N, C-alpha and C. Protein backbone atom coordinates (compact mmCIF):
# COMPACT_ATOMS: atom_id res chain seq x y z
N UNK A 1 -12.19 -13.86 33.54
CA UNK A 1 -10.97 -14.64 33.51
C UNK A 1 -9.99 -14.10 32.46
N UNK A 2 -10.50 -13.82 31.26
CA UNK A 2 -9.66 -13.28 30.20
C UNK A 2 -9.10 -11.92 30.60
N UNK A 3 -9.91 -11.12 31.30
CA UNK A 3 -9.45 -9.81 31.76
C UNK A 3 -8.30 -9.96 32.75
N UNK A 4 -8.39 -10.92 33.64
CA UNK A 4 -7.30 -11.16 34.60
C UNK A 4 -6.02 -11.58 33.89
N UNK A 5 -6.14 -12.47 32.92
CA UNK A 5 -4.95 -12.93 32.18
C UNK A 5 -4.31 -11.75 31.45
N UNK A 6 -5.13 -10.93 30.79
CA UNK A 6 -4.59 -9.77 30.07
C UNK A 6 -3.94 -8.78 31.03
N UNK A 7 -4.55 -8.59 32.21
CA UNK A 7 -3.97 -7.69 33.21
C UNK A 7 -2.62 -8.21 33.69
N UNK A 8 -2.54 -9.49 33.96
CA UNK A 8 -1.27 -10.09 34.41
C UNK A 8 -0.21 -9.94 33.32
N UNK A 9 -0.56 -10.22 32.06
CA UNK A 9 0.39 -10.08 30.97
C UNK A 9 0.85 -8.63 30.81
N UNK A 10 -0.07 -7.69 30.95
CA UNK A 10 0.28 -6.28 30.86
C UNK A 10 1.25 -5.89 31.97
N UNK A 11 0.96 -6.32 33.20
CA UNK A 11 1.84 -6.01 34.32
C UNK A 11 3.22 -6.66 34.15
N UNK A 12 3.26 -7.88 33.66
CA UNK A 12 4.56 -8.53 33.40
C UNK A 12 5.34 -7.76 32.34
N UNK A 13 4.65 -7.33 31.30
CA UNK A 13 5.31 -6.55 30.25
C UNK A 13 5.87 -5.24 30.78
N UNK A 14 5.10 -4.57 31.62
CA UNK A 14 5.56 -3.31 32.21
C UNK A 14 6.74 -3.54 33.14
N UNK A 15 6.72 -4.62 33.91
CA UNK A 15 7.83 -4.88 34.82
C UNK A 15 9.10 -5.19 34.05
N UNK A 16 8.98 -5.89 32.92
CA UNK A 16 10.16 -6.16 32.09
C UNK A 16 10.71 -4.87 31.49
N UNK A 17 9.80 -3.98 31.06
CA UNK A 17 10.22 -2.70 30.50
C UNK A 17 10.93 -1.86 31.56
N UNK A 18 10.37 -1.81 32.76
CA UNK A 18 10.99 -1.05 33.85
C UNK A 18 12.36 -1.63 34.17
N UNK A 19 12.48 -2.97 34.21
CA UNK A 19 13.75 -3.62 34.50
C UNK A 19 14.79 -3.27 33.45
N UNK A 20 14.39 -3.27 32.17
CA UNK A 20 15.33 -2.95 31.09
C UNK A 20 15.82 -1.52 31.21
N UNK A 21 14.95 -0.60 31.60
CA UNK A 21 15.34 0.80 31.72
C UNK A 21 16.09 1.08 33.02
N UNK A 22 15.96 0.20 33.99
CA UNK A 22 16.62 0.40 35.27
C UNK A 22 18.12 0.13 35.20
N UNK A 23 18.56 -0.48 34.12
CA UNK A 23 19.97 -0.82 33.97
C UNK A 23 20.59 0.02 32.85
N UNK A 24 21.15 1.16 33.19
CA UNK A 24 21.71 2.04 32.16
C UNK A 24 22.94 1.41 31.49
N UNK A 25 23.17 1.82 30.27
CA UNK A 25 24.32 1.36 29.50
C UNK A 25 25.49 2.30 29.76
N UNK A 26 26.62 1.73 30.12
CA UNK A 26 27.85 2.51 30.28
C UNK A 26 28.76 2.15 29.13
N UNK A 27 29.25 3.17 28.41
CA UNK A 27 30.11 2.95 27.23
C UNK A 27 31.41 3.71 27.43
N UNK A 28 32.52 2.98 27.40
CA UNK A 28 33.84 3.59 27.54
C UNK A 28 34.63 3.33 26.27
N UNK A 29 35.21 4.38 25.70
CA UNK A 29 36.04 4.23 24.51
C UNK A 29 37.49 4.45 24.93
N UNK A 30 38.31 3.43 24.70
CA UNK A 30 39.73 3.49 25.04
C UNK A 30 40.54 3.69 23.78
N UNK A 31 41.49 4.61 23.81
CA UNK A 31 42.37 4.86 22.67
C UNK A 31 43.70 4.16 22.90
N UNK A 32 44.31 3.72 21.83
CA UNK A 32 45.59 3.03 21.93
C UNK A 32 45.92 2.32 20.64
N UNK A 33 46.47 1.11 20.76
CA UNK A 33 46.90 0.34 19.60
C UNK A 33 46.36 -1.08 19.68
N UNK A 34 45.75 -1.51 18.60
CA UNK A 34 45.29 -2.88 18.49
C UNK A 34 46.47 -3.71 18.00
N UNK A 35 46.89 -4.67 18.79
CA UNK A 35 48.04 -5.49 18.42
C UNK A 35 47.66 -6.75 17.68
N UNK A 36 46.41 -7.22 17.89
CA UNK A 36 46.00 -8.47 17.25
C UNK A 36 44.49 -8.50 17.10
N UNK A 37 44.03 -8.96 15.92
CA UNK A 37 42.62 -9.21 15.69
C UNK A 37 42.50 -10.42 14.78
N UNK A 38 41.86 -11.46 15.30
CA UNK A 38 41.62 -12.70 14.55
C UNK A 38 40.12 -12.90 14.49
N UNK A 39 39.57 -13.03 13.28
CA UNK A 39 38.14 -13.22 13.08
C UNK A 39 37.92 -14.56 12.40
N UNK A 40 37.25 -15.47 13.09
CA UNK A 40 36.95 -16.80 12.57
C UNK A 40 38.21 -17.49 12.04
N UNK A 41 39.28 -17.40 12.81
CA UNK A 41 40.54 -18.05 12.46
C UNK A 41 41.42 -17.30 11.48
N UNK A 42 40.97 -16.17 10.96
CA UNK A 42 41.74 -15.39 9.98
C UNK A 42 42.34 -14.16 10.66
N UNK A 43 43.66 -14.01 10.57
CA UNK A 43 44.36 -12.88 11.17
C UNK A 43 44.13 -11.64 10.31
N UNK A 44 43.42 -10.66 10.87
CA UNK A 44 43.15 -9.40 10.17
C UNK A 44 43.72 -8.23 10.97
N UNK A 45 44.78 -8.48 11.70
CA UNK A 45 45.38 -7.47 12.58
C UNK A 45 45.68 -6.14 11.91
N UNK A 46 46.18 -6.12 10.65
CA UNK A 46 46.46 -4.82 10.03
C UNK A 46 45.23 -3.93 9.86
N UNK A 47 44.03 -4.50 9.89
CA UNK A 47 42.80 -3.71 9.71
C UNK A 47 42.19 -3.24 11.02
N UNK A 48 42.77 -3.64 12.15
CA UNK A 48 42.18 -3.35 13.46
C UNK A 48 42.29 -1.85 13.79
N UNK A 49 41.23 -1.31 14.36
CA UNK A 49 41.15 0.12 14.67
C UNK A 49 41.96 0.53 15.89
N UNK A 50 42.02 1.85 16.13
CA UNK A 50 42.83 2.41 17.21
C UNK A 50 42.02 2.71 18.46
N UNK A 51 40.84 2.10 18.57
CA UNK A 51 40.05 2.27 19.79
C UNK A 51 39.39 0.93 20.16
N UNK A 52 39.14 0.79 21.44
CA UNK A 52 38.47 -0.38 21.99
C UNK A 52 37.29 0.14 22.78
N UNK A 53 36.11 -0.44 22.55
CA UNK A 53 34.92 -0.01 23.26
C UNK A 53 34.59 -1.06 24.32
N UNK A 54 34.39 -0.59 25.55
CA UNK A 54 33.97 -1.44 26.66
C UNK A 54 32.57 -0.99 27.04
N UNK A 55 31.60 -1.91 26.96
CA UNK A 55 30.23 -1.58 27.33
C UNK A 55 29.79 -2.45 28.50
N UNK A 56 29.06 -1.82 29.42
CA UNK A 56 28.53 -2.53 30.58
C UNK A 56 27.06 -2.16 30.72
N UNK A 57 26.22 -3.18 30.80
CA UNK A 57 24.80 -2.95 31.06
C UNK A 57 24.31 -4.05 31.99
N UNK A 58 23.90 -3.64 33.16
CA UNK A 58 23.47 -4.62 34.15
C UNK A 58 24.62 -5.55 34.49
N UNK A 59 24.39 -6.83 34.32
CA UNK A 59 25.43 -7.83 34.61
C UNK A 59 26.27 -8.19 33.40
N UNK A 60 26.01 -7.60 32.25
CA UNK A 60 26.69 -7.96 31.00
C UNK A 60 27.77 -6.93 30.69
N UNK A 61 28.93 -7.42 30.27
CA UNK A 61 30.01 -6.52 29.85
C UNK A 61 30.60 -7.04 28.55
N UNK A 62 31.12 -6.14 27.71
CA UNK A 62 31.74 -6.57 26.45
C UNK A 62 32.93 -5.68 26.12
N UNK A 63 33.83 -6.26 25.34
CA UNK A 63 34.95 -5.54 24.75
C UNK A 63 34.82 -5.68 23.25
N UNK A 64 34.73 -4.53 22.54
CA UNK A 64 34.44 -4.51 21.12
C UNK A 64 35.64 -4.05 20.31
N UNK A 65 36.12 -4.92 19.43
CA UNK A 65 37.23 -4.63 18.52
C UNK A 65 36.63 -4.38 17.14
N UNK A 66 37.10 -3.34 16.44
CA UNK A 66 36.56 -2.98 15.14
C UNK A 66 37.65 -2.96 14.08
N UNK A 67 37.33 -3.49 12.90
CA UNK A 67 38.27 -3.45 11.78
C UNK A 67 37.89 -2.32 10.83
N UNK A 68 38.80 -1.96 9.94
CA UNK A 68 38.58 -0.83 9.03
C UNK A 68 37.45 -1.07 8.04
N UNK A 69 37.04 -2.33 7.82
CA UNK A 69 35.93 -2.60 6.90
C UNK A 69 34.57 -2.53 7.58
N UNK A 70 34.55 -2.15 8.87
CA UNK A 70 33.29 -2.01 9.59
C UNK A 70 32.89 -3.24 10.39
N UNK A 71 33.67 -4.30 10.34
CA UNK A 71 33.37 -5.50 11.11
C UNK A 71 33.71 -5.26 12.58
N UNK A 72 32.81 -5.68 13.47
CA UNK A 72 33.04 -5.55 14.91
C UNK A 72 32.95 -6.93 15.54
N UNK A 73 33.91 -7.22 16.42
CA UNK A 73 33.91 -8.45 17.20
C UNK A 73 33.76 -8.05 18.66
N UNK A 74 32.66 -8.51 19.28
CA UNK A 74 32.40 -8.21 20.69
C UNK A 74 32.58 -9.47 21.51
N UNK A 75 33.46 -9.40 22.49
CA UNK A 75 33.66 -10.49 23.44
C UNK A 75 32.78 -10.14 24.64
N UNK A 76 31.73 -10.93 24.87
CA UNK A 76 30.71 -10.57 25.85
C UNK A 76 30.59 -11.62 26.94
N UNK A 77 30.50 -11.14 28.18
CA UNK A 77 30.34 -12.04 29.32
C UNK A 77 29.33 -11.50 30.29
N UNK A 78 29.03 -12.29 31.28
CA UNK A 78 27.99 -11.93 32.24
C UNK A 78 28.46 -10.91 33.27
N UNK A 79 29.70 -10.51 33.22
CA UNK A 79 30.19 -9.56 34.20
C UNK A 79 30.42 -10.22 35.54
N UNK A 80 30.56 -11.54 35.53
CA UNK A 80 30.86 -12.25 36.78
C UNK A 80 32.13 -11.67 37.37
N UNK A 81 32.31 -11.80 38.66
CA UNK A 81 33.54 -11.28 39.25
C UNK A 81 34.77 -11.86 38.55
N UNK A 82 35.71 -10.99 38.30
CA UNK A 82 36.93 -11.43 37.65
C UNK A 82 37.72 -12.33 38.59
N UNK A 83 38.29 -13.37 38.03
CA UNK A 83 39.09 -14.30 38.81
C UNK A 83 40.55 -13.85 38.79
N UNK A 84 41.15 -13.74 39.95
CA UNK A 84 42.58 -13.41 40.02
C UNK A 84 43.37 -14.63 39.59
N UNK A 85 44.37 -14.44 38.76
CA UNK A 85 45.17 -15.52 38.21
C UNK A 85 46.66 -15.26 38.40
N UNK A 86 47.02 -14.79 39.58
CA UNK A 86 48.41 -14.39 39.82
C UNK A 86 49.42 -15.50 39.57
N UNK A 87 49.01 -16.74 39.84
CA UNK A 87 49.96 -17.85 39.70
C UNK A 87 50.38 -18.09 38.26
N UNK A 88 49.61 -17.60 37.29
CA UNK A 88 50.00 -17.77 35.89
C UNK A 88 50.40 -16.45 35.25
N UNK A 89 50.66 -15.43 36.05
CA UNK A 89 51.15 -14.15 35.54
C UNK A 89 50.09 -13.25 34.94
N UNK A 90 48.82 -13.51 35.24
CA UNK A 90 47.74 -12.69 34.72
C UNK A 90 47.02 -12.06 35.91
N UNK A 91 46.81 -10.74 35.86
CA UNK A 91 46.15 -10.06 36.97
C UNK A 91 44.71 -10.49 37.16
N UNK A 92 43.95 -10.60 36.08
CA UNK A 92 42.54 -10.95 36.20
C UNK A 92 42.06 -11.62 34.93
N UNK A 93 40.96 -12.34 35.06
CA UNK A 93 40.38 -13.07 33.95
C UNK A 93 38.88 -12.81 33.94
N UNK A 94 38.34 -12.28 32.84
CA UNK A 94 36.91 -12.02 32.71
C UNK A 94 36.30 -13.09 31.83
N UNK A 95 35.40 -13.92 32.35
CA UNK A 95 34.78 -14.97 31.53
C UNK A 95 33.99 -14.37 30.36
N UNK A 96 34.03 -15.05 29.21
CA UNK A 96 33.29 -14.65 28.01
C UNK A 96 32.38 -15.82 27.61
N UNK A 97 31.10 -15.54 27.41
CA UNK A 97 30.15 -16.59 27.04
C UNK A 97 29.62 -16.46 25.62
N UNK A 98 29.91 -15.33 24.96
CA UNK A 98 29.43 -15.13 23.59
C UNK A 98 30.39 -14.21 22.83
N UNK A 99 30.49 -14.48 21.54
CA UNK A 99 31.18 -13.57 20.61
C UNK A 99 30.09 -13.06 19.68
N UNK A 100 29.97 -11.74 19.59
CA UNK A 100 28.97 -11.15 18.72
C UNK A 100 29.71 -10.55 17.53
N UNK A 101 29.44 -11.10 16.35
CA UNK A 101 30.11 -10.68 15.13
C UNK A 101 29.15 -9.82 14.32
N UNK A 102 29.52 -8.57 14.09
CA UNK A 102 28.71 -7.64 13.32
C UNK A 102 29.48 -7.29 12.06
N UNK A 103 28.87 -7.59 10.90
CA UNK A 103 29.54 -7.37 9.61
C UNK A 103 28.73 -6.38 8.80
N UNK A 104 29.43 -5.37 8.26
CA UNK A 104 28.80 -4.36 7.42
C UNK A 104 29.05 -4.74 5.96
N UNK A 105 27.97 -4.95 5.19
CA UNK A 105 28.08 -5.33 3.78
C UNK A 105 28.33 -4.10 2.91
N UNK A 106 28.77 -4.33 1.70
CA UNK A 106 29.06 -3.25 0.76
C UNK A 106 27.82 -2.40 0.46
N UNK A 107 26.65 -3.02 0.50
CA UNK A 107 25.40 -2.29 0.22
C UNK A 107 24.88 -1.54 1.44
N UNK A 108 25.63 -1.57 2.56
CA UNK A 108 25.23 -0.86 3.77
C UNK A 108 24.45 -1.71 4.75
N UNK A 109 24.05 -2.90 4.33
CA UNK A 109 23.32 -3.80 5.23
C UNK A 109 24.24 -4.33 6.33
N UNK A 110 23.64 -4.67 7.45
CA UNK A 110 24.41 -5.16 8.59
C UNK A 110 23.87 -6.51 9.02
N UNK A 111 24.79 -7.47 9.20
CA UNK A 111 24.39 -8.77 9.75
C UNK A 111 25.07 -8.93 11.10
N UNK A 112 24.34 -9.58 12.00
CA UNK A 112 24.86 -9.75 13.35
C UNK A 112 24.63 -11.21 13.76
N UNK A 113 25.70 -11.88 14.15
CA UNK A 113 25.63 -13.26 14.60
C UNK A 113 26.13 -13.34 16.04
N UNK A 114 25.37 -14.03 16.88
CA UNK A 114 25.79 -14.28 18.25
C UNK A 114 26.26 -15.72 18.32
N UNK A 115 27.53 -15.91 18.64
CA UNK A 115 28.14 -17.22 18.69
C UNK A 115 28.43 -17.58 20.13
N UNK A 116 27.83 -18.64 20.62
CA UNK A 116 28.05 -19.06 22.00
C UNK A 116 29.46 -19.67 22.11
N UNK A 117 30.09 -19.42 23.24
CA UNK A 117 31.47 -19.85 23.39
C UNK A 117 31.84 -19.95 24.86
N UNK A 118 33.01 -20.49 25.10
CA UNK A 118 33.66 -20.39 26.40
C UNK A 118 35.01 -19.75 26.10
N UNK A 119 35.22 -18.59 26.65
CA UNK A 119 36.46 -17.88 26.42
C UNK A 119 36.72 -16.93 27.56
N UNK A 120 37.66 -16.00 27.34
CA UNK A 120 37.98 -15.05 28.40
C UNK A 120 38.67 -13.82 27.82
N UNK A 121 38.61 -12.76 28.60
CA UNK A 121 39.43 -11.58 28.37
C UNK A 121 40.37 -11.49 29.57
N UNK A 122 41.64 -11.36 29.28
CA UNK A 122 42.67 -11.27 30.31
C UNK A 122 43.17 -9.84 30.39
N UNK A 123 43.67 -9.48 31.55
CA UNK A 123 44.22 -8.15 31.76
C UNK A 123 45.62 -8.32 32.35
N UNK A 124 46.59 -8.69 31.50
CA UNK A 124 47.93 -8.97 32.02
C UNK A 124 48.62 -7.71 32.55
N UNK A 125 49.59 -7.94 33.43
CA UNK A 125 50.38 -6.83 33.96
C UNK A 125 51.06 -6.11 32.80
N UNK A 126 51.07 -4.79 32.87
CA UNK A 126 51.68 -3.96 31.82
C UNK A 126 52.62 -2.95 32.45
N UNK A 127 53.36 -2.27 31.60
CA UNK A 127 54.26 -1.21 32.06
C UNK A 127 53.44 -0.08 32.67
N UNK A 128 54.03 0.74 33.54
CA UNK A 128 53.30 1.86 34.14
C UNK A 128 52.68 2.76 33.07
N UNK A 129 51.44 3.17 33.30
CA UNK A 129 50.76 4.05 32.36
C UNK A 129 50.14 3.33 31.18
N UNK A 130 50.23 2.02 31.15
CA UNK A 130 49.68 1.24 30.04
C UNK A 130 48.75 0.16 30.61
N UNK A 131 47.81 -0.27 29.81
CA UNK A 131 46.98 -1.41 30.18
C UNK A 131 46.72 -2.25 28.94
N UNK A 132 46.53 -3.54 29.16
CA UNK A 132 46.32 -4.48 28.07
C UNK A 132 45.03 -5.26 28.30
N UNK A 133 44.27 -5.43 27.22
CA UNK A 133 43.10 -6.30 27.21
C UNK A 133 43.35 -7.33 26.13
N UNK A 134 43.34 -8.62 26.50
CA UNK A 134 43.59 -9.70 25.55
C UNK A 134 42.44 -10.70 25.65
N UNK A 135 41.62 -10.77 24.60
CA UNK A 135 40.45 -11.65 24.59
C UNK A 135 40.66 -12.79 23.60
N UNK A 136 40.11 -13.96 23.94
CA UNK A 136 40.19 -15.12 23.04
C UNK A 136 39.00 -16.03 23.31
N UNK A 137 38.45 -16.60 22.23
CA UNK A 137 37.33 -17.52 22.35
C UNK A 137 37.26 -18.40 21.11
N UNK A 138 36.93 -19.66 21.31
CA UNK A 138 36.71 -20.59 20.21
C UNK A 138 35.22 -20.78 20.01
N UNK A 139 34.76 -20.65 18.76
CA UNK A 139 33.34 -20.79 18.44
C UNK A 139 33.17 -21.81 17.33
N UNK A 140 31.92 -22.09 16.96
CA UNK A 140 31.65 -22.99 15.86
C UNK A 140 32.12 -22.41 14.53
N UNK A 141 32.40 -21.10 14.47
CA UNK A 141 32.90 -20.47 13.25
C UNK A 141 34.41 -20.27 13.28
N UNK A 142 35.07 -20.77 14.31
CA UNK A 142 36.52 -20.65 14.41
C UNK A 142 36.94 -19.81 15.61
N UNK A 143 38.24 -19.55 15.67
CA UNK A 143 38.81 -18.81 16.80
C UNK A 143 38.71 -17.30 16.57
N UNK A 144 38.40 -16.59 17.66
CA UNK A 144 38.36 -15.14 17.66
C UNK A 144 39.33 -14.65 18.73
N UNK A 145 40.15 -13.66 18.39
CA UNK A 145 41.11 -13.10 19.33
C UNK A 145 41.21 -11.60 19.12
N UNK A 146 41.52 -10.89 20.18
CA UNK A 146 41.78 -9.46 20.10
C UNK A 146 42.70 -9.06 21.24
N UNK A 147 43.73 -8.29 20.91
CA UNK A 147 44.64 -7.76 21.93
C UNK A 147 44.78 -6.26 21.69
N UNK A 148 44.55 -5.48 22.74
CA UNK A 148 44.57 -4.03 22.64
C UNK A 148 45.38 -3.46 23.79
N UNK A 149 46.23 -2.47 23.49
CA UNK A 149 47.07 -1.84 24.51
C UNK A 149 46.75 -0.35 24.54
N UNK A 150 46.46 0.14 25.75
CA UNK A 150 46.22 1.57 25.92
C UNK A 150 47.45 2.20 26.57
N UNK A 151 47.54 3.49 26.43
CA UNK A 151 48.63 4.22 27.09
C UNK A 151 48.07 5.54 27.60
N UNK A 152 48.42 5.90 28.83
CA UNK A 152 47.97 7.17 29.36
C UNK A 152 48.71 8.31 28.65
N UNK A 153 48.17 9.51 28.74
CA UNK A 153 48.84 10.67 28.12
C UNK A 153 50.23 10.87 28.71
N UNK A 154 50.40 10.63 30.01
CA UNK A 154 51.71 10.79 30.65
C UNK A 154 52.71 9.78 30.12
N UNK A 155 52.26 8.54 29.93
CA UNK A 155 53.16 7.49 29.42
C UNK A 155 53.52 7.73 27.97
N UNK A 156 52.63 8.38 27.22
CA UNK A 156 52.89 8.64 25.81
C UNK A 156 53.76 9.88 25.63
N UNK A 157 54.07 10.58 26.72
CA UNK A 157 54.92 11.74 26.64
C UNK A 157 54.18 13.01 26.27
N UNK A 158 52.89 13.05 26.49
CA UNK A 158 52.09 14.23 26.14
C UNK A 158 51.93 15.14 27.33
C-alpha cells in the first residue's frame, strides 16, 4: 500500500514537472519612454526606466516597469482574452489579478511581494508607429500605475 502511494506521488510530481517545462517563457523587451510610474500611491515617474518587459508563460502574462533604484512593478494577469472596449476609446483591456512588487535593498537583498488585486492594462489608440501600455491596479498597499509609450524606428526618424 505504501509503495502504491509513493508511486502515485512520484508520478504526480513528474507530471507537474513536465507541465511546468511544457510552457516556455516568452520575454519581450520594449524600448521607449515611461510616462508614469506610481508605486503604492507614490509617484516615482522620474525614476522610471526606458524599457518595458512583457513576459508570457502559459496562460499568465505580465508587464514589468522598473525604476532606477532597482524596484520592479509587475502587472500580472491570467492572459484571458482581451476585451475590446471601443465604446470608451480603448482598443483592448487586459485583466490584471496581481501586482508583484520586487524591491532591491541597499545590501543587495531582494524582497518580493505578491499583492492580489483587480486591475487592468489598457492599450489605447496611439499615433502611427507608436503603442501605449497603461496599467493600473488598487491593492492593500495602495495604488499602482504604469504608462509606457513605444515608438518604432521609422516613427522616431531613424
